[in-house]
Amino acid sequence: PNDTTSQGKELRLRQQYFFVACSLHDIIRRFRFKNSDWQTFPDKVAIQLNDTHPVIAIPELMRILMDEERLGWTEAWEITGQVFGYTCHTLMPEALEEWPIAMFERLLPRHLEIIHEINRRFQQIVRDRFPADAGRAERMSIVAHGNVRMAYLASVGCFSINGVAALQSQLL
């Protein structure tokens, strides 16, 4: 839908979540048909996030693993990080989706909690790795300027990141 209006933007986020949630539930249903050990999930499943549209899959898989399957944060995050790859089609800021925090909070409050925790942990890693660069963690934050930055979430939550061309991959 046209996302120049708040209603269009909300519908777009709802649609993205719907398609991601349905896909993940089907993938998990198929996995559980023959498997019960979640540690083998990344050996059986690889999910390619084609641009920022399906990136909500990262917190959705975390939610499923923690809230439905009762895994702890560390185990769920390790599995999630081994399942997703991300391909970025453009680096133009207007094409890199960002969602207002208020919209996320209203539509997907649990996912926002998970995103905040991913961001908190990631920022600590950045601060530990680059102690001399005080502003780096803020510049790399998944949550910034009142928005959730989906390309940043993909970059943190995926085992592989690439552009559609070699130059794009270098810039990423």
C-alpha atoms as a PDB file:
ATOM      1  CA  PRO A   1       0.000   0.000   0.000  1.00  0.00           C
ATOM      2  CA  ASN A   2       0.893   3.640  -0.378  1.00  0.00           C
ATOM      3  CA  ASP A   3       2.742   4.457   2.818  1.00  0.00           C
ATOM      4  CA  THR A   4       2.686   8.235   2.555  1.00  0.00           C
ATOM      5  CA  THR A   5      -0.186   8.319   5.055  1.00  0.00           C
ATOM      6  CA  SER A   6      -0.124   6.927   8.581  1.00  0.00           C
ATOM      7  CA  GLN A   7      -2.931   4.491   7.658  1.00  0.00           C
ATOM      8  CA  GLY A   8      -0.971   3.233   4.651  1.00  0.00           C
ATOM      9  CA  LYS A   9       2.186   2.905   6.721  1.00  0.00           C
ATOM     10  CA  GLU A  10       0.329   0.935   9.392  1.00  0.00           C
ATOM     11  CA  LEU A  11      -1.250  -1.357   6.802  1.00  0.00           C
ATOM     12  CA  ARG A  12       2.152  -1.990   5.277  1.00  0.00           C
ATOM     13  CA  LEU A  13       3.663  -2.989   8.643  1.00  0.00           C
ATOM     14  CA  ARG A  14       0.647  -5.213   9.361  1.00  0.00           C
ATOM     15  CA  GLN A  15       1.035  -6.920   5.984  1.00  0.00           C
ATOM     16  CA  GLN A  16       4.748  -7.450   6.442  1.00  0.00           C
ATOM     17  CA  TYR A  17       4.210  -8.966   9.866  1.00  0.00           C
ATOM     18  CA  PHE A  18       1.365 -11.177   8.603  1.00  0.00           C
ATOM     19  CA  PHE A  19       3.443 -12.665   5.770  1.00  0.00           C
ATOM     20  CA  VAL A  20       6.491 -13.153   7.985  1.00  0.00           C
ATOM     21  CA  ALA A  21       4.509 -14.731  10.823  1.00  0.00           C
ATOM     22  CA  CYS A  22       2.728 -17.139   8.479  1.00  0.00           C
ATOM     23  CA  SER A  23       5.986 -18.125   6.799  1.00  0.00           C
ATOM     24  CA  LEU A  24       7.811 -18.698  10.081  1.00  0.00           C
ATOM     25  CA  HIS A  25       4.975 -20.742  11.525  1.00  0.00           C
ATOM     26  CA  ASP A  26       4.951 -22.935   8.425  1.00  0.00           C
ATOM     27  CA  ILE A  27       8.744 -23.344   8.531  1.00  0.00           C
ATOM     28  CA  ILE A  28       8.581 -24.286  12.216  1.00  0.00           C
ATOM     29  CA  ARG A  29       5.670 -26.667  11.636  1.00  0.00           C
ATOM     30  CA  ARG A  30       7.700 -28.462   8.971  1.00  0.00           C
ATOM     31  CA  PHE A  31      10.804 -28.513  11.168  1.00  0.00           C
ATOM     32  CA  ARG A  32       8.920 -29.971  14.152  1.00  0.00           C
ATOM     33  CA  PHE A  33       7.437 -32.724  11.987  1.00  0.00           C
ATOM     34  CA  LYS A  34      10.798 -34.547  12.037  1.00  0.00           C
ATOM     35  CA  ASN A  35      12.859 -32.644  14.625  1.00  0.00           C
ATOM     36  CA  SER A  36      12.682 -31.735  18.279  1.00  0.00           C
ATOM     37  CA  ASP A  37      16.150 -30.331  18.981  1.00  0.00           C
ATOM     38  CA  TRP A  38      16.200 -26.585  18.376  1.00  0.00           C
ATOM     39  CA  GLN A  39      19.991 -26.652  18.142  1.00  0.00           C
ATOM     40  CA  THR A  40      19.579 -28.363  14.751  1.00  0.00           C
ATOM     41  CA  PHE A  41      17.209 -25.669  13.420  1.00  0.00           C
ATOM     42  CA  PRO A  42      20.010 -23.646  11.737  1.00  0.00           C
ATOM     43  CA  ASP A  43      21.270 -26.830  10.080  1.00  0.00           C
ATOM     44  CA  LYS A  44      17.857 -27.379   8.520  1.00  0.00           C
ATOM     45  CA  VAL A  45      16.637 -23.819   7.895  1.00  0.00           C
ATOM     46  CA  ALA A  46      18.093 -20.776   6.137  1.00  0.00           C
ATOM     47  CA  ILE A  47      15.953 -17.701   5.592  1.00  0.00           C
ATOM     48  CA  GLN A  48      17.038 -14.952   3.215  1.00  0.00           C
ATOM     49  CA  LEU A  49      15.680 -11.497   4.035  1.00  0.00           C
ATOM     50  CA  ASN A  50      15.324  -9.832   0.663  1.00  0.00           C
ATOM     51  CA  ASP A  51      15.642  -6.119   1.526  1.00  0.00           C
ATOM     52  CA  THR A  52      14.118  -4.632   4.687  1.00  0.00           C
ATOM     53  CA  HIS A  53      10.499  -5.710   4.141  1.00  0.00           C
ATOM     54  CA  PRO A  54      10.724  -9.091   5.937  1.00  0.00           C
ATOM     55  CA  VAL A  55      13.170  -8.034   8.698  1.00  0.00           C
ATOM     56  CA  ILE A  56      10.381  -8.220  11.298  1.00  0.00           C
ATOM     57  CA  ALA A  57      11.096 -11.964  11.033  1.00  0.00           C
ATOM     58  CA  ILE A  58      14.080 -11.542  13.365  1.00  0.00           C
ATOM     59  CA  PRO A  59      12.085 -10.454  16.441  1.00  0.00           C
ATOM     60  CA  GLU A  60       9.246 -12.779  15.417  1.00  0.00           C
ATOM     61  CA  LEU A  61      11.537 -15.824  15.501  1.00  0.00           C
ATOM     62  CA  MET A  62      12.955 -14.630  18.828  1.00  0.00           C
ATOM     63  CA  ARG A  63       9.395 -14.283  20.173  1.00  0.00           C
ATOM     64  CA  ILE A  64       8.448 -17.768  19.019  1.00  0.00           C
ATOM     65  CA  LEU A  65      11.591 -19.358  20.433  1.00  0.00           C
ATOM     66  CA  MET A  66      11.338 -17.594  23.794  1.00  0.00           C
ATOM     67  CA  ASP A  67       7.598 -17.240  24.386  1.00  0.00           C
ATOM     68  CA  GLU A  68       6.251 -20.357  22.701  1.00  0.00           C
ATOM     69  CA  GLU A  69       9.185 -22.765  22.781  1.00  0.00           C
ATOM     70  CA  ARG A  70      10.513 -21.524  26.162  1.00  0.00           C
ATOM     71  CA  LEU A  71      14.149 -21.115  25.120  1.00  0.00           C
ATOM     72  CA  GLY A  72      16.313 -18.605  26.959  1.00  0.00           C
ATOM     73  CA  TRP A  73      17.495 -15.383  25.352  1.00  0.00           C
ATOM     74  CA  THR A  74      21.030 -16.596  24.622  1.00  0.00           C
ATOM     75  CA  GLU A  75      19.956 -19.824  22.946  1.00  0.00           C
ATOM     76  CA  ALA A  76      17.189 -18.104  20.959  1.00  0.00           C
ATOM     77  CA  TRP A  77      19.574 -15.362  19.790  1.00  0.00           C
ATOM     78  CA  GLU A  78      22.249 -17.866  18.729  1.00  0.00           C
ATOM     79  CA  ILE A  79      19.706 -19.812  16.691  1.00  0.00           C
ATOM     80  CA  THR A  80      18.210 -16.664  15.162  1.00  0.00           C
ATOM     81  CA  GLY A  81      21.616 -15.311  14.188  1.00  0.00           C
ATOM     82  CA  GLN A  82      22.468 -18.539  12.375  1.00  0.00           C
ATOM     83  CA  VAL A  83      19.230 -18.689  10.387  1.00  0.00           C
ATOM     84  CA  PHE A  84      18.937 -15.291   8.677  1.00  0.00           C
ATOM     85  CA  GLY A  85      20.860 -13.785   5.788  1.00  0.00           C
ATOM     86  CA  TYR A  86      20.208 -10.255   4.505  1.00  0.00           C
ATOM     87  CA  THR A  87      20.443  -8.836   0.996  1.00  0.00           C
ATOM     88  CA  CYS A  88      20.220  -5.077   0.657  1.00  0.00           C
ATOM     89  CA  HIS A  89      19.018  -3.826  -2.736  1.00  0.00           C
ATOM     90  CA  THR A  90      19.752  -0.155  -2.255  1.00  0.00           C
ATOM     91  CA  LEU A  91      21.585   2.044   0.197  1.00  0.00           C
ATOM     92  CA  MET A  92      19.438   5.107  -0.413  1.00  0.00           C
ATOM     93  CA  PRO A  93      18.076   6.192   2.972  1.00  0.00           C
ATOM     94  CA  GLU A  94      14.537   6.620   1.651  1.00  0.00           C
ATOM     95  CA  ALA A  95      14.476   2.936   0.665  1.00  0.00           C
ATOM     96  CA  LEU A  96      15.719   1.611   4.019  1.00  0.00           C
ATOM     97  CA  GLU A  97      12.566   1.092   6.033  1.00  0.00           C
ATOM     98  CA  GLU A  98      12.117   2.706   9.395  1.00  0.00           C
ATOM     99  CA  TRP A  99       9.011   2.296  11.524  1.00  0.00           C
ATOM    100  CA  PRO A 100       7.835   4.749  14.163  1.00  0.00           C
ATOM    101  CA  ILE A 101       8.353   3.414  17.667  1.00  0.00           C
ATOM    102  CA  ALA A 102       4.824   4.483  18.609  1.00  0.00           C
ATOM    103  CA  MET A 103       3.355   2.375  15.780  1.00  0.00           C
ATOM    104  CA  PHE A 104       5.454  -0.622  16.785  1.00  0.00           C
ATOM    105  CA  GLU A 105       4.413  -0.197  20.401  1.00  0.00           C
ATOM    106  CA  ARG A 106       0.738  -0.122  19.443  1.00  0.00           C
ATOM    107  CA  LEU A 107       0.809  -2.996  16.911  1.00  0.00           C
ATOM    108  CA  LEU A 108       3.664  -5.255  18.033  1.00  0.00           C
ATOM    109  CA  PRO A 109       4.565  -4.436  21.652  1.00  0.00           C
ATOM    110  CA  ARG A 110       6.349  -7.721  22.355  1.00  0.00           C
ATOM    111  CA  HIS A 111       8.428  -7.358  19.207  1.00  0.00           C
ATOM    112  CA  LEU A 112       9.410  -3.856  20.272  1.00  0.00           C
ATOM    113  CA  GLU A 113      10.533  -5.205  23.658  1.00  0.00           C
ATOM    114  CA  ILE A 114      12.682  -7.766  21.864  1.00  0.00           C
ATOM    115  CA  ILE A 115      14.107  -5.134  19.508  1.00  0.00           C
ATOM    116  CA  HIS A 116      15.001  -2.904  22.449  1.00  0.00           C
ATOM    117  CA  GLU A 117      16.823  -5.808  24.118  1.00  0.00           C
ATOM    118  CA  ILE A 118      18.662  -6.712  20.901  1.00  0.00           C
ATOM    119  CA  ASN A 119      19.674  -3.064  20.615  1.00  0.00           C
ATOM    120  CA  ARG A 120      20.754  -2.817  24.268  1.00  0.00           C
ATOM    121  CA  ARG A 121      22.976  -5.869  23.960  1.00  0.00           C
ATOM    122  CA  PHE A 122      24.370  -4.774  20.600  1.00  0.00           C
ATOM    123  CA  GLN A 123      25.198  -1.301  21.863  1.00  0.00           C
ATOM    124  CA  GLN A 124      27.101  -2.833  24.791  1.00  0.00           C
ATOM    125  CA  ILE A 125      29.151  -4.926  22.370  1.00  0.00           C
ATOM    126  CA  VAL A 126      29.937  -1.799  20.335  1.00  0.00           C
ATOM    127  CA  ARG A 127      30.929   0.178  23.466  1.00  0.00           C
ATOM    128  CA  ASP A 128      33.163  -2.689  24.624  1.00  0.00           C
ATOM    129  CA  ARG A 129      34.793  -3.088  21.214  1.00  0.00           C
ATOM    130  CA  PHE A 130      35.275   0.643  20.528  1.00  0.00           C
ATOM    131  CA  PRO A 131      35.773   2.286  23.937  1.00  0.00           C
ATOM    132  CA  ALA A 132      37.511   5.327  22.437  1.00  0.00           C
ATOM    133  CA  ASP A 133      34.542   6.171  20.176  1.00  0.00           C
ATOM    134  CA  ALA A 134      31.836   7.310  22.597  1.00  0.00           C
ATOM    135  CA  GLY A 135      29.274   8.096  19.891  1.00  0.00           C
ATOM    136  CA  ARG A 136      29.652   4.963  17.829  1.00  0.00           C
ATOM    137  CA  ALA A 137      26.987   2.930  19.669  1.00  0.00           C
ATOM    138  CA  GLU A 138      24.445   5.711  19.149  1.00  0.00           C
ATOM    139  CA  ARG A 139      25.288   6.033  15.446  1.00  0.00           C
ATOM    140  CA  MET A 140      24.839   2.286  15.030  1.00  0.00           C
ATOM    141  CA  SER A 141      21.688   2.052  17.148  1.00  0.00           C
ATOM    142  CA  ILE A 142      18.765   0.025  15.817  1.00  0.00           C
ATOM    143  CA  VAL A 143      16.383   2.401  17.586  1.00  0.00           C
ATOM    144  CA  ALA A 144      17.041   6.059  16.801  1.00  0.00           C
ATOM    145  CA  HIS A 145      15.227   9.322  16.132  1.00  0.00           C
ATOM    146  CA  GLY A 146      11.892   7.833  17.200  1.00  0.00           C
ATOM    147  CA  ASN A 147      12.143   4.945  14.740  1.00  0.00           C
ATOM    148  CA  VAL A 148      13.137   1.303  14.479  1.00  0.00           C
ATOM    149  CA  ARG A 149      15.710   1.104  11.682  1.00  0.00           C
ATOM    150  CA  MET A 150      15.087  -2.210   9.952  1.00  0.00           C
ATOM    151  CA  ALA A 151      18.337  -2.335   7.950  1.00  0.00           C
ATOM    152  CA  TYR A 152      20.263  -1.925  11.198  1.00  0.00           C
ATOM    153  CA  LEU A 153      18.225  -4.717  12.786  1.00  0.00           C
ATOM    154  CA  ALA A 154      18.999  -6.945   9.802  1.00  0.00           C
ATOM    155  CA  SER A 155      22.692  -6.101  10.028  1.00  0.00           C
ATOM    156  CA  VAL A 156      22.792  -7.097  13.694  1.00  0.00           C
ATOM    157  CA  GLY A 157      20.578 -10.183  13.469  1.00  0.00           C
ATOM    158  CA  CYS A 158      21.907 -11.941  10.365  1.00  0.00           C
ATOM    159  CA  PHE A 159      24.870 -14.237   9.766  1.00  0.00           C
ATOM    160  CA  SER A 160      25.398 -12.887   6.251  1.00  0.00           C
ATOM    161  CA  ILE A 161      24.925  -9.436   4.746  1.00  0.00           C
ATOM    162  CA  ASN A 162      25.399  -8.548   1.110  1.00  0.00           C
ATOM    163  CA  GLY A 163      24.394  -6.061  -1.532  1.00  0.00           C
ATOM    164  CA  VAL A 164      23.186  -7.028  -4.974  1.00  0.00           C
ATOM    165  CA  ALA A 165      26.525  -5.910  -6.455  1.00  0.00           C
ATOM    166  CA  ALA A 166      30.113  -6.132  -5.232  1.00  0.00           C
ATOM    167  CA  LEU A 167      30.366  -2.350  -4.744  1.00  0.00           C
ATOM    168  CA  GLN A 168      27.167  -2.335  -2.728  1.00  0.00           C
ATOM    169  CA  SER A 169      28.497  -5.123  -0.499  1.00  0.00           C
ATOM    170  CA  GLN A 170      31.673  -3.111   0.124  1.00  0.00           C
ATOM    171  CA  LEU A 171      29.639  -0.016   1.066  1.00  0.00           C
ATOM    172  CA  LEU A 172      27.477  -2.082   3.417  1.00  0.00           C
END
